């Protein structure tokens, strides 16, 4: 987006940052597909997974992928789909209507069943269909772009340091639930949790948040697939998007990632970070003076680790 203002990010190799040629949003190194295809979604179709049309979704997904991803693409492909989560219980707050509608549909169809039987059946149908949509989607991505590394964004979830789980530990229920997603860990080529951090947390809490999230990612990887961990990292605070991380914030975050099993990380930013000339100018200065040098520093630290066999420093 900054190219239209004559601002380019063409010298990032010196920091060890891998980027697409000519700053392309979708290029040869990384491509993010935002809500591709026709996943069942209440705000669009409107549907829950068990009522969705899988073939229509896959047909449109193929069209989107063919339009947006280079034919010879061999980089990191990320499917960013967030309308619902494949574990029924984890659809709460803004996602609660998926649970409500699923139960409502089965209540109408099975008037003589008990509430418990209806809910159990709704859970089974929802999770089975959700798995099918996610499995077939990533299968198709691999079929169409077989040299790429394909994964879903944000999994696994941990739900730590939240109102219902105020400690740094993961919600205890997620361990069993993430084990239920063994099919996902086996299909993905890497595991890409989200590590967006709120400023409302203390520095120590932010470190604990990163460590715990990554420990759960490592646990699932080691148990089911031995895939590399490549977390998403945003250089701004989730609850104060006009505030950049300080040098200490960045280095501490990168060091905690390194110490807790990350093979690298994806530096993500919102289009709103660079949608004006001034924002582009400010971000380039921040990248050159603080973010880039921090990446170079953590790569240098990674190269000194005695357990280097467990860390791919080329990805850091």
C-alpha atoms as a PDB file:
ATOM      1  CA  UNK A   1       0.000   0.000   0.000  1.00  0.00           C
ATOM      2  CA  UNK A   2       2.919   2.337   0.630  1.00  0.00           C
ATOM      3  CA  UNK A   3       4.246   2.009  -2.920  1.00  0.00           C
ATOM      4  CA  UNK A   4       1.665   4.517  -4.135  1.00  0.00           C
ATOM      5  CA  UNK A   5       3.344   7.084  -1.891  1.00  0.00           C
ATOM      6  CA  UNK A   6       6.806   6.252  -3.228  1.00  0.00           C
ATOM      7  CA  UNK A   7       7.741   4.418  -0.020  1.00  0.00           C
ATOM      8  CA  UNK A   8       9.277   0.970  -0.463  1.00  0.00           C
ATOM      9  CA  UNK A   9      10.533  -1.750   1.867  1.00  0.00           C
ATOM     10  CA  UNK A  10      13.281  -3.182  -0.319  1.00  0.00           C
ATOM     11  CA  UNK A  11      16.179  -3.568   2.087  1.00  0.00           C
ATOM     12  CA  UNK A  12      14.889  -6.003   4.698  1.00  0.00           C
ATOM     13  CA  UNK A  13      17.270  -8.853   3.870  1.00  0.00           C
ATOM     14  CA  UNK A  14      19.943  -7.180   5.978  1.00  0.00           C
ATOM     15  CA  UNK A  15      17.749  -7.855   9.014  1.00  0.00           C
ATOM     16  CA  UNK A  16      17.033 -11.449   8.012  1.00  0.00           C
ATOM     17  CA  UNK A  17      13.393 -10.687   7.208  1.00  0.00           C
ATOM     18  CA  UNK A  18      11.847 -12.719   4.394  1.00  0.00           C
ATOM     19  CA  UNK A  19       9.435 -10.677   2.266  1.00  0.00           C
ATOM     20  CA  UNK A  20       7.580 -10.847  -1.022  1.00  0.00           C
ATOM     21  CA  UNK A  21       9.246  -9.215  -4.025  1.00  0.00           C
ATOM     22  CA  UNK A  22       8.208  -5.574  -4.557  1.00  0.00           C
ATOM     23  CA  UNK A  23       6.283  -5.553  -1.277  1.00  0.00           C
ATOM     24  CA  UNK A  24       3.425  -7.495  -2.862  1.00  0.00           C
ATOM     25  CA  UNK A  25       0.663  -8.386  -0.427  1.00  0.00           C
ATOM     26  CA  UNK A  26       0.481 -11.828  -1.997  1.00  0.00           C
ATOM     27  CA  UNK A  27       3.747 -12.991  -3.499  1.00  0.00           C
ATOM     28  CA  UNK A  28       6.218 -15.833  -3.757  1.00  0.00           C
ATOM     29  CA  UNK A  29       7.148 -16.012  -0.043  1.00  0.00           C
ATOM     30  CA  UNK A  30       3.844 -15.699   1.780  1.00  0.00           C
ATOM     31  CA  UNK A  31       0.179 -15.527   0.827  1.00  0.00           C
ATOM     32  CA  UNK A  32      -2.780 -14.986   3.143  1.00  0.00           C
ATOM     33  CA  UNK A  33      -6.240 -15.969   1.952  1.00  0.00           C
ATOM     34  CA  UNK A  34      -8.814 -14.026   3.962  1.00  0.00           C
ATOM     35  CA  UNK A  35     -12.117 -15.868   4.330  1.00  0.00           C
ATOM     36  CA  UNK A  36     -11.755 -17.663   0.993  1.00  0.00           C
ATOM     37  CA  UNK A  37     -14.467 -19.699  -0.670  1.00  0.00           C
ATOM     38  CA  UNK A  38     -17.939 -19.970   0.826  1.00  0.00           C
ATOM     39  CA  UNK A  39     -17.450 -21.307   4.333  1.00  0.00           C
ATOM     40  CA  UNK A  40     -20.834 -21.485   6.090  1.00  0.00           C
ATOM     41  CA  UNK A  41     -21.108 -18.199   7.976  1.00  0.00           C
ATOM     42  CA  UNK A  42     -24.126 -16.586   9.580  1.00  0.00           C
ATOM     43  CA  UNK A  43     -23.182 -13.110   8.385  1.00  0.00           C
ATOM     44  CA  UNK A  44     -22.989 -14.268   4.758  1.00  0.00           C
ATOM     45  CA  UNK A  45     -24.971 -17.404   3.802  1.00  0.00           C
ATOM     46  CA  UNK A  46     -26.385 -17.574   6.549  1.00  0.00           C
ATOM     47  CA  UNK A  47     -25.542 -21.096   7.700  1.00  0.00           C
ATOM     48  CA  UNK A  48     -23.936 -23.250  10.342  1.00  0.00           C
ATOM     49  CA  UNK A  49     -21.375 -25.814   9.068  1.00  0.00           C
ATOM     50  CA  UNK A  50     -23.796 -28.755   9.058  1.00  0.00           C
ATOM     51  CA  UNK A  51     -26.147 -26.803   6.792  1.00  0.00           C
ATOM     52  CA  UNK A  52     -23.460 -25.574   4.424  1.00  0.00           C
ATOM     53  CA  UNK A  53     -22.840 -26.551   0.809  1.00  0.00           C
ATOM     54  CA  UNK A  54     -19.372 -28.074   0.709  1.00  0.00           C
ATOM     55  CA  UNK A  55     -19.098 -28.338  -3.066  1.00  0.00           C
ATOM     56  CA  UNK A  56     -20.135 -24.718  -3.630  1.00  0.00           C
ATOM     57  CA  UNK A  57     -17.541 -23.677  -1.068  1.00  0.00           C
ATOM     58  CA  UNK A  58     -14.774 -25.714  -2.688  1.00  0.00           C
ATOM     59  CA  UNK A  59     -15.654 -24.441  -6.153  1.00  0.00           C
ATOM     60  CA  UNK A  60     -15.405 -20.827  -4.998  1.00  0.00           C
ATOM     61  CA  UNK A  61     -12.301 -21.551  -2.928  1.00  0.00           C
ATOM     62  CA  UNK A  62     -10.610 -22.890  -6.048  1.00  0.00           C
ATOM     63  CA  UNK A  63     -11.557 -19.727  -7.928  1.00  0.00           C
ATOM     64  CA  UNK A  64     -10.211 -17.490  -5.163  1.00  0.00           C
ATOM     65  CA  UNK A  65      -6.990 -19.447  -4.866  1.00  0.00           C
ATOM     66  CA  UNK A  66      -6.386 -19.499  -8.625  1.00  0.00           C
ATOM     67  CA  UNK A  67      -6.949 -15.733  -8.757  1.00  0.00           C
ATOM     68  CA  UNK A  68      -4.801 -14.837  -5.765  1.00  0.00           C
ATOM     69  CA  UNK A  69      -1.957 -17.351  -5.574  1.00  0.00           C
ATOM     70  CA  UNK A  70       0.846 -17.729  -8.114  1.00  0.00           C
ATOM     71  CA  UNK A  71       0.817 -21.060  -9.974  1.00  0.00           C
ATOM     72  CA  UNK A  72       4.363 -21.907  -8.902  1.00  0.00           C
ATOM     73  CA  UNK A  73       3.869 -20.705  -5.324  1.00  0.00           C
ATOM     74  CA  UNK A  74       6.154 -22.522  -2.885  1.00  0.00           C
ATOM     75  CA  UNK A  75       5.984 -20.275   0.161  1.00  0.00           C
ATOM     76  CA  UNK A  76       3.845 -20.103   3.286  1.00  0.00           C
ATOM     77  CA  UNK A  77       0.121 -20.197   2.512  1.00  0.00           C
ATOM     78  CA  UNK A  78      -2.207 -19.130   5.314  1.00  0.00           C
ATOM     79  CA  UNK A  79      -5.960 -19.726   5.308  1.00  0.00           C
ATOM     80  CA  UNK A  80      -7.438 -17.064   7.572  1.00  0.00           C
ATOM     81  CA  UNK A  81     -10.967 -18.178   8.413  1.00  0.00           C
ATOM     82  CA  UNK A  82     -12.453 -16.970  11.696  1.00  0.00           C
ATOM     83  CA  UNK A  83     -16.263 -17.137  11.381  1.00  0.00           C
ATOM     84  CA  UNK A  84     -16.495 -20.166  13.680  1.00  0.00           C
ATOM     85  CA  UNK A  85     -14.249 -22.628  15.491  1.00  0.00           C
ATOM     86  CA  UNK A  86     -14.404 -26.390  14.832  1.00  0.00           C
ATOM     87  CA  UNK A  87     -14.852 -27.172  18.550  1.00  0.00           C
ATOM     88  CA  UNK A  88     -18.497 -26.493  19.417  1.00  0.00           C
ATOM     89  CA  UNK A  89     -17.878 -25.240  22.970  1.00  0.00           C
ATOM     90  CA  UNK A  90     -15.339 -22.683  21.800  1.00  0.00           C
ATOM     91  CA  UNK A  91     -17.950 -20.730  19.873  1.00  0.00           C
ATOM     92  CA  UNK A  92     -18.874 -18.150  22.481  1.00  0.00           C
ATOM     93  CA  UNK A  93     -19.425 -14.384  22.670  1.00  0.00           C
ATOM     94  CA  UNK A  94     -19.854 -13.151  19.074  1.00  0.00           C
ATOM     95  CA  UNK A  95     -19.725 -16.776  17.857  1.00  0.00           C
ATOM     96  CA  UNK A  96     -22.410 -18.042  20.252  1.00  0.00           C
ATOM     97  CA  UNK A  97     -25.147 -17.822  17.571  1.00  0.00           C
ATOM     98  CA  UNK A  98     -23.530 -20.839  15.883  1.00  0.00           C
ATOM     99  CA  UNK A  99     -24.210 -22.928  18.976  1.00  0.00           C
ATOM    100  CA  UNK A 100     -27.670 -21.443  19.457  1.00  0.00           C
ATOM    101  CA  UNK A 101     -28.802 -22.073  15.889  1.00  0.00           C
ATOM    102  CA  UNK A 102     -27.355 -25.601  15.865  1.00  0.00           C
ATOM    103  CA  UNK A 103     -29.374 -26.488  18.955  1.00  0.00           C
ATOM    104  CA  UNK A 104     -32.459 -24.706  17.635  1.00  0.00           C
ATOM    105  CA  UNK A 105     -32.378 -26.703  14.381  1.00  0.00           C
ATOM    106  CA  UNK A 106     -32.198 -30.032  16.202  1.00  0.00           C
ATOM    107  CA  UNK A 107     -34.908 -28.968  18.654  1.00  0.00           C
ATOM    108  CA  UNK A 108     -37.278 -28.452  15.729  1.00  0.00           C
ATOM    109  CA  UNK A 109     -36.305 -31.759  14.111  1.00  0.00           C
ATOM    110  CA  UNK A 110     -36.433 -33.868  17.282  1.00  0.00           C
ATOM    111  CA  UNK A 111     -39.290 -32.528  19.370  1.00  0.00           C
ATOM    112  CA  UNK A 112     -39.450 -35.588  21.593  1.00  0.00           C
ATOM    113  CA  UNK A 113     -35.778 -35.669  22.504  1.00  0.00           C
ATOM    114  CA  UNK A 114     -34.389 -34.413  25.799  1.00  0.00           C
ATOM    115  CA  UNK A 115     -32.419 -31.163  25.865  1.00  0.00           C
ATOM    116  CA  UNK A 116     -29.242 -33.072  26.610  1.00  0.00           C
ATOM    117  CA  UNK A 117     -29.762 -35.460  23.684  1.00  0.00           C
ATOM    118  CA  UNK A 118     -30.497 -32.547  21.360  1.00  0.00           C
ATOM    119  CA  UNK A 119     -27.348 -30.697  22.402  1.00  0.00           C
ATOM    120  CA  UNK A 120     -25.163 -33.782  22.042  1.00  0.00           C
ATOM    121  CA  UNK A 121     -26.511 -34.370  18.556  1.00  0.00           C
ATOM    122  CA  UNK A 122     -26.026 -30.712  17.619  1.00  0.00           C
ATOM    123  CA  UNK A 123     -22.425 -30.864  18.828  1.00  0.00           C
ATOM    124  CA  UNK A 124     -21.760 -34.011  16.812  1.00  0.00           C
ATOM    125  CA  UNK A 125     -23.234 -32.585  13.619  1.00  0.00           C
ATOM    126  CA  UNK A 126     -21.501 -29.220  13.999  1.00  0.00           C
ATOM    127  CA  UNK A 127     -18.042 -30.624  14.725  1.00  0.00           C
ATOM    128  CA  UNK A 128     -18.259 -33.312  12.045  1.00  0.00           C
ATOM    129  CA  UNK A 129     -19.261 -30.781   9.386  1.00  0.00           C
ATOM    130  CA  UNK A 130     -16.750 -28.211  10.569  1.00  0.00           C
ATOM    131  CA  UNK A 131     -13.981 -30.753  10.293  1.00  0.00           C
ATOM    132  CA  UNK A 132     -15.100 -31.749   6.812  1.00  0.00           C
ATOM    133  CA  UNK A 133     -15.077 -28.154   5.544  1.00  0.00           C
ATOM    134  CA  UNK A 134     -11.636 -27.447   6.991  1.00  0.00           C
ATOM    135  CA  UNK A 135     -10.132 -30.758   5.874  1.00  0.00           C
ATOM    136  CA  UNK A 136     -11.382 -30.586   2.317  1.00  0.00           C
ATOM    137  CA  UNK A 137     -10.346 -26.951   1.992  1.00  0.00           C
ATOM    138  CA  UNK A 138      -6.730 -27.514   2.950  1.00  0.00           C
ATOM    139  CA  UNK A 139      -6.637 -30.703   0.857  1.00  0.00           C
ATOM    140  CA  UNK A 140      -7.699 -28.674  -2.169  1.00  0.00           C
ATOM    141  CA  UNK A 141      -5.132 -25.969  -1.427  1.00  0.00           C
ATOM    142  CA  UNK A 142      -2.412 -28.622  -1.343  1.00  0.00           C
ATOM    143  CA  UNK A 143      -3.696 -30.180  -4.540  1.00  0.00           C
ATOM    144  CA  UNK A 144      -3.749 -26.861  -6.408  1.00  0.00           C
ATOM    145  CA  UNK A 145      -0.453 -25.511  -5.012  1.00  0.00           C
ATOM    146  CA  UNK A 146       1.429 -28.658  -3.966  1.00  0.00           C
ATOM    147  CA  UNK A 147       4.797 -26.978  -3.396  1.00  0.00           C
ATOM    148  CA  UNK A 148       3.446 -24.536  -0.809  1.00  0.00           C
ATOM    149  CA  UNK A 149       3.245 -24.947   2.954  1.00  0.00           C
ATOM    150  CA  UNK A 150      -0.440 -24.678   3.950  1.00  0.00           C
ATOM    151  CA  UNK A 151      -1.920 -23.931   7.381  1.00  0.00           C
ATOM    152  CA  UNK A 152      -4.851 -22.284   9.126  1.00  0.00           C
ATOM    153  CA  UNK A 153      -4.334 -19.089  11.082  1.00  0.00           C
ATOM    154  CA  UNK A 154      -4.726 -18.889  14.892  1.00  0.00           C
ATOM    155  CA  UNK A 155      -4.721 -22.545  15.939  1.00  0.00           C
ATOM    156  CA  UNK A 156      -4.347 -23.913  18.557  1.00  0.00           C
ATOM    157  CA  UNK A 157      -6.299 -21.787  20.991  1.00  0.00           C
ATOM    158  CA  UNK A 158      -5.338 -21.525  24.640  1.00  0.00           C
ATOM    159  CA  UNK A 159      -7.750 -18.884  26.039  1.00  0.00           C
ATOM    160  CA  UNK A 160      -5.387 -17.764  28.789  1.00  0.00           C
ATOM    161  CA  UNK A 161      -5.417 -14.362  30.542  1.00  0.00           C
ATOM    162  CA  UNK A 162      -9.064 -13.858  29.684  1.00  0.00           C
ATOM    163  CA  UNK A 163     -11.984 -12.952  31.985  1.00  0.00           C
ATOM    164  CA  UNK A 164     -12.929 -16.632  32.330  1.00  0.00           C
ATOM    165  CA  UNK A 165      -9.308 -17.794  32.625  1.00  0.00           C
ATOM    166  CA  UNK A 166      -7.418 -14.955  34.350  1.00  0.00           C
ATOM    167  CA  UNK A 167      -4.229 -16.931  34.926  1.00  0.00           C
ATOM    168  CA  UNK A 168      -1.470 -17.464  32.368  1.00  0.00           C
ATOM    169  CA  UNK A 169      -2.342 -21.160  32.130  1.00  0.00           C
ATOM    170  CA  UNK A 170      -4.503 -22.380  29.276  1.00  0.00           C
ATOM    171  CA  UNK A 171      -8.116 -23.081  30.008  1.00  0.00           C
ATOM    172  CA  UNK A 172      -7.819 -26.709  31.213  1.00  0.00           C
ATOM    173  CA  UNK A 173     -10.508 -27.849  28.804  1.00  0.00           C
ATOM    174  CA  UNK A 174      -8.496 -26.908  25.721  1.00  0.00           C
ATOM    175  CA  UNK A 175      -5.959 -29.714  26.104  1.00  0.00           C
ATOM    176  CA  UNK A 176      -8.568 -32.376  25.417  1.00  0.00           C
ATOM    177  CA  UNK A 177     -10.227 -30.205  22.780  1.00  0.00           C
ATOM    178  CA  UNK A 178      -6.956 -29.549  20.968  1.00  0.00           C
ATOM    179  CA  UNK A 179      -6.274 -33.278  21.034  1.00  0.00           C
ATOM    180  CA  UNK A 180      -9.630 -33.697  19.266  1.00  0.00           C
ATOM    181  CA  UNK A 181      -8.131 -31.602  16.467  1.00  0.00           C
ATOM    182  CA  UNK A 182      -5.392 -34.150  15.810  1.00  0.00           C
ATOM    183  CA  UNK A 183      -6.645 -34.292  12.200  1.00  0.00           C
ATOM    184  CA  UNK A 184      -5.782 -30.604  11.822  1.00  0.00           C
ATOM    185  CA  UNK A 185      -2.254 -30.857  13.222  1.00  0.00           C
ATOM    186  CA  UNK A 186      -1.572 -33.774  10.880  1.00  0.00           C
ATOM    187  CA  UNK A 187      -2.834 -31.892   7.816  1.00  0.00           C
ATOM    188  CA  UNK A 188      -1.171 -28.537   8.422  1.00  0.00           C
ATOM    189  CA  UNK A 189       2.427 -28.044   7.302  1.00  0.00           C
ATOM    190  CA  UNK A 190       3.113 -25.663  10.177  1.00  0.00           C
ATOM    191  CA  UNK A 191       1.258 -24.495  13.273  1.00  0.00           C
ATOM    192  CA  UNK A 192       0.445 -20.783  13.306  1.00  0.00           C
ATOM    193  CA  UNK A 193      -0.933 -19.520  16.633  1.00  0.00           C
ATOM    194  CA  UNK A 194      -1.809 -15.861  17.122  1.00  0.00           C
ATOM    195  CA  UNK A 195       0.261 -13.815  19.571  1.00  0.00           C
ATOM    196  CA  UNK A 196      -1.413 -10.414  19.458  1.00  0.00           C
ATOM    197  CA  UNK A 197      -0.824  -8.700  22.780  1.00  0.00           C
ATOM    198  CA  UNK A 198      -2.907  -6.190  24.758  1.00  0.00           C
ATOM    199  CA  UNK A 199      -1.237  -3.223  26.432  1.00  0.00           C
ATOM    200  CA  UNK A 200      -3.508  -3.780  29.426  1.00  0.00           C
ATOM    201  CA  UNK A 201      -1.289  -6.719  30.431  1.00  0.00           C
ATOM    202  CA  UNK A 202       1.916  -6.135  32.334  1.00  0.00           C
ATOM    203  CA  UNK A 203       5.219  -6.969  30.678  1.00  0.00           C
ATOM    204  CA  UNK A 204       5.440 -10.121  32.773  1.00  0.00           C
ATOM    205  CA  UNK A 205       1.897 -11.151  31.844  1.00  0.00           C
ATOM    206  CA  UNK A 206       2.637 -10.636  28.168  1.00  0.00           C
ATOM    207  CA  UNK A 207       5.659 -12.910  28.446  1.00  0.00           C
ATOM    208  CA  UNK A 208       3.561 -15.529  30.210  1.00  0.00           C
ATOM    209  CA  UNK A 209       0.866 -15.225  27.556  1.00  0.00           C
ATOM    210  CA  UNK A 210       3.354 -15.890  24.737  1.00  0.00           C
ATOM    211  CA  UNK A 211       5.085 -18.719  26.579  1.00  0.00           C
ATOM    212  CA  UNK A 212       1.865 -20.558  27.432  1.00  0.00           C
ATOM    213  CA  UNK A 213       0.387 -20.168  23.948  1.00  0.00           C
ATOM    214  CA  UNK A 214       3.550 -21.560  22.382  1.00  0.00           C
ATOM    215  CA  UNK A 215       3.869 -24.381  24.890  1.00  0.00           C
ATOM    216  CA  UNK A 216       0.431 -25.607  23.860  1.00  0.00           C
ATOM    217  CA  UNK A 217       1.414 -25.335  20.196  1.00  0.00           C
ATOM    218  CA  UNK A 218       4.569 -27.328  20.876  1.00  0.00           C
ATOM    219  CA  UNK A 219       2.594 -29.922  22.824  1.00  0.00           C
ATOM    220  CA  UNK A 220       0.165 -30.525  19.974  1.00  0.00           C
ATOM    221  CA  UNK A 221       2.962 -30.576  17.414  1.00  0.00           C
ATOM    222  CA  UNK A 222       5.061 -33.100  19.316  1.00  0.00           C
ATOM    223  CA  UNK A 223       2.074 -35.306  20.094  1.00  0.00           C
ATOM    224  CA  UNK A 224       0.603 -35.458  16.602  1.00  0.00           C
ATOM    225  CA  UNK A 225       2.729 -34.108  13.769  1.00  0.00           C
ATOM    226  CA  UNK A 226       6.100 -32.586  14.678  1.00  0.00           C
ATOM    227  CA  UNK A 227       5.292 -29.492  12.616  1.00  0.00           C
ATOM    228  CA  UNK A 228       7.231 -26.210  12.998  1.00  0.00           C
ATOM    229  CA  UNK A 229       5.650 -23.417  15.042  1.00  0.00           C
ATOM    230  CA  UNK A 230       5.363 -20.061  13.235  1.00  0.00           C
ATOM    231  CA  UNK A 231       3.307 -17.673  15.373  1.00  0.00           C
ATOM    232  CA  UNK A 232       1.736 -14.472  14.083  1.00  0.00           C
ATOM    233  CA  UNK A 233       3.189 -11.384  15.794  1.00  0.00           C
ATOM    234  CA  UNK A 234       1.822  -7.818  15.576  1.00  0.00           C
ATOM    235  CA  UNK A 235       4.143  -4.940  16.435  1.00  0.00           C
ATOM    236  CA  UNK A 236       1.241  -2.927  17.865  1.00  0.00           C
ATOM    237  CA  UNK A 237      -0.977  -3.500  20.880  1.00  0.00           C
ATOM    238  CA  UNK A 238      -4.291  -5.181  20.216  1.00  0.00           C
ATOM    239  CA  UNK A 239      -6.174  -2.776  22.479  1.00  0.00           C
ATOM    240  CA  UNK A 240      -4.215   0.372  21.521  1.00  0.00           C
ATOM    241  CA  UNK A 241      -3.563   0.074  17.807  1.00  0.00           C
ATOM    242  CA  UNK A 242      -1.917   3.485  17.563  1.00  0.00           C
ATOM    243  CA  UNK A 243       0.914   2.435  19.900  1.00  0.00           C
ATOM    244  CA  UNK A 244       3.999   0.656  18.567  1.00  0.00           C
ATOM    245  CA  UNK A 245       5.884  -1.809  20.731  1.00  0.00           C
ATOM    246  CA  UNK A 246       8.962  -0.394  22.440  1.00  0.00           C
ATOM    247  CA  UNK A 247      12.363  -1.924  21.777  1.00  0.00           C
ATOM    248  CA  UNK A 248      12.132  -3.825  25.055  1.00  0.00           C
ATOM    249  CA  UNK A 249       8.643  -5.072  24.188  1.00  0.00           C
ATOM    250  CA  UNK A 250       9.829  -6.441  20.848  1.00  0.00           C
ATOM    251  CA  UNK A 251      13.047  -8.042  22.046  1.00  0.00           C
ATOM    252  CA  UNK A 252      11.360  -9.589  25.070  1.00  0.00           C
ATOM    253  CA  UNK A 253       8.554 -11.001  22.893  1.00  0.00           C
ATOM    254  CA  UNK A 254      11.008 -12.443  20.365  1.00  0.00           C
ATOM    255  CA  UNK A 255      13.167 -13.941  23.121  1.00  0.00           C
ATOM    256  CA  UNK A 256      10.160 -15.641  24.755  1.00  0.00           C
ATOM    257  CA  UNK A 257       9.147 -17.039  21.358  1.00  0.00           C
ATOM    258  CA  UNK A 258      12.634 -18.404  20.823  1.00  0.00           C
ATOM    259  CA  UNK A 259      12.781 -19.936  24.293  1.00  0.00           C
ATOM    260  CA  UNK A 260       9.423 -21.653  23.872  1.00  0.00           C
ATOM    261  CA  UNK A 261       9.790 -23.505  20.604  1.00  0.00           C
ATOM    262  CA  UNK A 262       9.048 -21.067  17.791  1.00  0.00           C
ATOM    263  CA  UNK A 263      10.855 -21.925  14.560  1.00  0.00           C
ATOM    264  CA  UNK A 264      10.224 -18.414  13.297  1.00  0.00           C
ATOM    265  CA  UNK A 265       7.390 -15.911  13.248  1.00  0.00           C
ATOM    266  CA  UNK A 266       5.149 -14.068  10.838  1.00  0.00           C
ATOM    267  CA  UNK A 267       5.231 -10.290  11.298  1.00  0.00           C
ATOM    268  CA  UNK A 268       1.685  -9.165  10.565  1.00  0.00           C
ATOM    269  CA  UNK A 269       0.174  -5.704  10.300  1.00  0.00           C
ATOM    270  CA  UNK A 270      -3.219  -4.226   9.552  1.00  0.00           C
ATOM    271  CA  UNK A 271      -3.825  -2.253   6.377  1.00  0.00           C
ATOM    272  CA  UNK A 272      -4.807   0.570   8.735  1.00  0.00           C
ATOM    273  CA  UNK A 273      -1.160   0.710   9.841  1.00  0.00           C
ATOM    274  CA  UNK A 274      -0.146   1.958   6.380  1.00  0.00           C
ATOM    275  CA  UNK A 275      -3.193   3.565   4.766  1.00  0.00           C
ATOM    276  CA  UNK A 276      -1.775   7.110   4.668  1.00  0.00           C
ATOM    277  CA  UNK A 277       1.549   8.623   3.590  1.00  0.00           C
ATOM    278  CA  UNK A 278       2.330   9.625   7.173  1.00  0.00           C
ATOM    279  CA  UNK A 279       1.612   6.130   8.521  1.00  0.00           C
ATOM    280  CA  UNK A 280       3.826   4.573   5.832  1.00  0.00           C
ATOM    281  CA  UNK A 281       6.645   6.968   6.641  1.00  0.00           C
ATOM    282  CA  UNK A 282       6.337   6.310  10.375  1.00  0.00           C
ATOM    283  CA  UNK A 283       6.227   2.551   9.901  1.00  0.00           C
ATOM    284  CA  UNK A 284       9.295   2.521   7.657  1.00  0.00           C
ATOM    285  CA  UNK A 285      11.230   4.477  10.260  1.00  0.00           C
ATOM    286  CA  UNK A 286      10.039   2.105  12.975  1.00  0.00           C
ATOM    287  CA  UNK A 287      10.988  -0.900  10.871  1.00  0.00           C
ATOM    288  CA  UNK A 288      14.480   0.410  10.115  1.00  0.00           C
ATOM    289  CA  UNK A 289      15.274   1.682  13.593  1.00  0.00           C
ATOM    290  CA  UNK A 290      13.588  -0.813  15.894  1.00  0.00           C
ATOM    291  CA  UNK A 291      11.699  -3.790  14.428  1.00  0.00           C
ATOM    292  CA  UNK A 292      14.305  -4.802  11.842  1.00  0.00           C
ATOM    293  CA  UNK A 293      17.285  -4.603  14.223  1.00  0.00           C
ATOM    294  CA  UNK A 294      15.301  -6.613  16.786  1.00  0.00           C
ATOM    295  CA  UNK A 295      14.809  -9.403  14.236  1.00  0.00           C
ATOM    296  CA  UNK A 296      18.521  -9.355  13.443  1.00  0.00           C
ATOM    297  CA  UNK A 297      19.334  -9.519  17.154  1.00  0.00           C
ATOM    298  CA  UNK A 298      17.081 -12.504  17.833  1.00  0.00           C
ATOM    299  CA  UNK A 299      18.487 -14.367  14.818  1.00  0.00           C
ATOM    300  CA  UNK A 300      21.977 -13.804  16.205  1.00  0.00           C
ATOM    301  CA  UNK A 301      20.880 -15.084  19.609  1.00  0.00           C
ATOM    302  CA  UNK A 302      19.253 -18.132  18.007  1.00  0.00           C
ATOM    303  CA  UNK A 303      22.515 -19.015  16.273  1.00  0.00           C
ATOM    304  CA  UNK A 304      24.245 -19.319  19.669  1.00  0.00           C
ATOM    305  CA  UNK A 305      21.732 -21.670  21.231  1.00  0.00           C
ATOM    306  CA  UNK A 306      23.117 -25.095  22.081  1.00  0.00           C
ATOM    307  CA  UNK A 307      19.831 -26.715  21.034  1.00  0.00           C
ATOM    308  CA  UNK A 308      20.086 -25.253  17.523  1.00  0.00           C
ATOM    309  CA  UNK A 309      18.876 -28.527  16.046  1.00  0.00           C
ATOM    310  CA  UNK A 310      15.443 -27.709  17.454  1.00  0.00           C
ATOM    311  CA  UNK A 311      15.381 -24.206  15.956  1.00  0.00           C
ATOM    312  CA  UNK A 312      15.442 -23.336  12.291  1.00  0.00           C
ATOM    313  CA  UNK A 313      17.203 -19.988  12.491  1.00  0.00           C
ATOM    314  CA  UNK A 314      16.710 -19.477   8.759  1.00  0.00           C
ATOM    315  CA  UNK A 315      13.023 -18.997   9.491  1.00  0.00           C
ATOM    316  CA  UNK A 316      13.578 -16.569  12.349  1.00  0.00           C
END
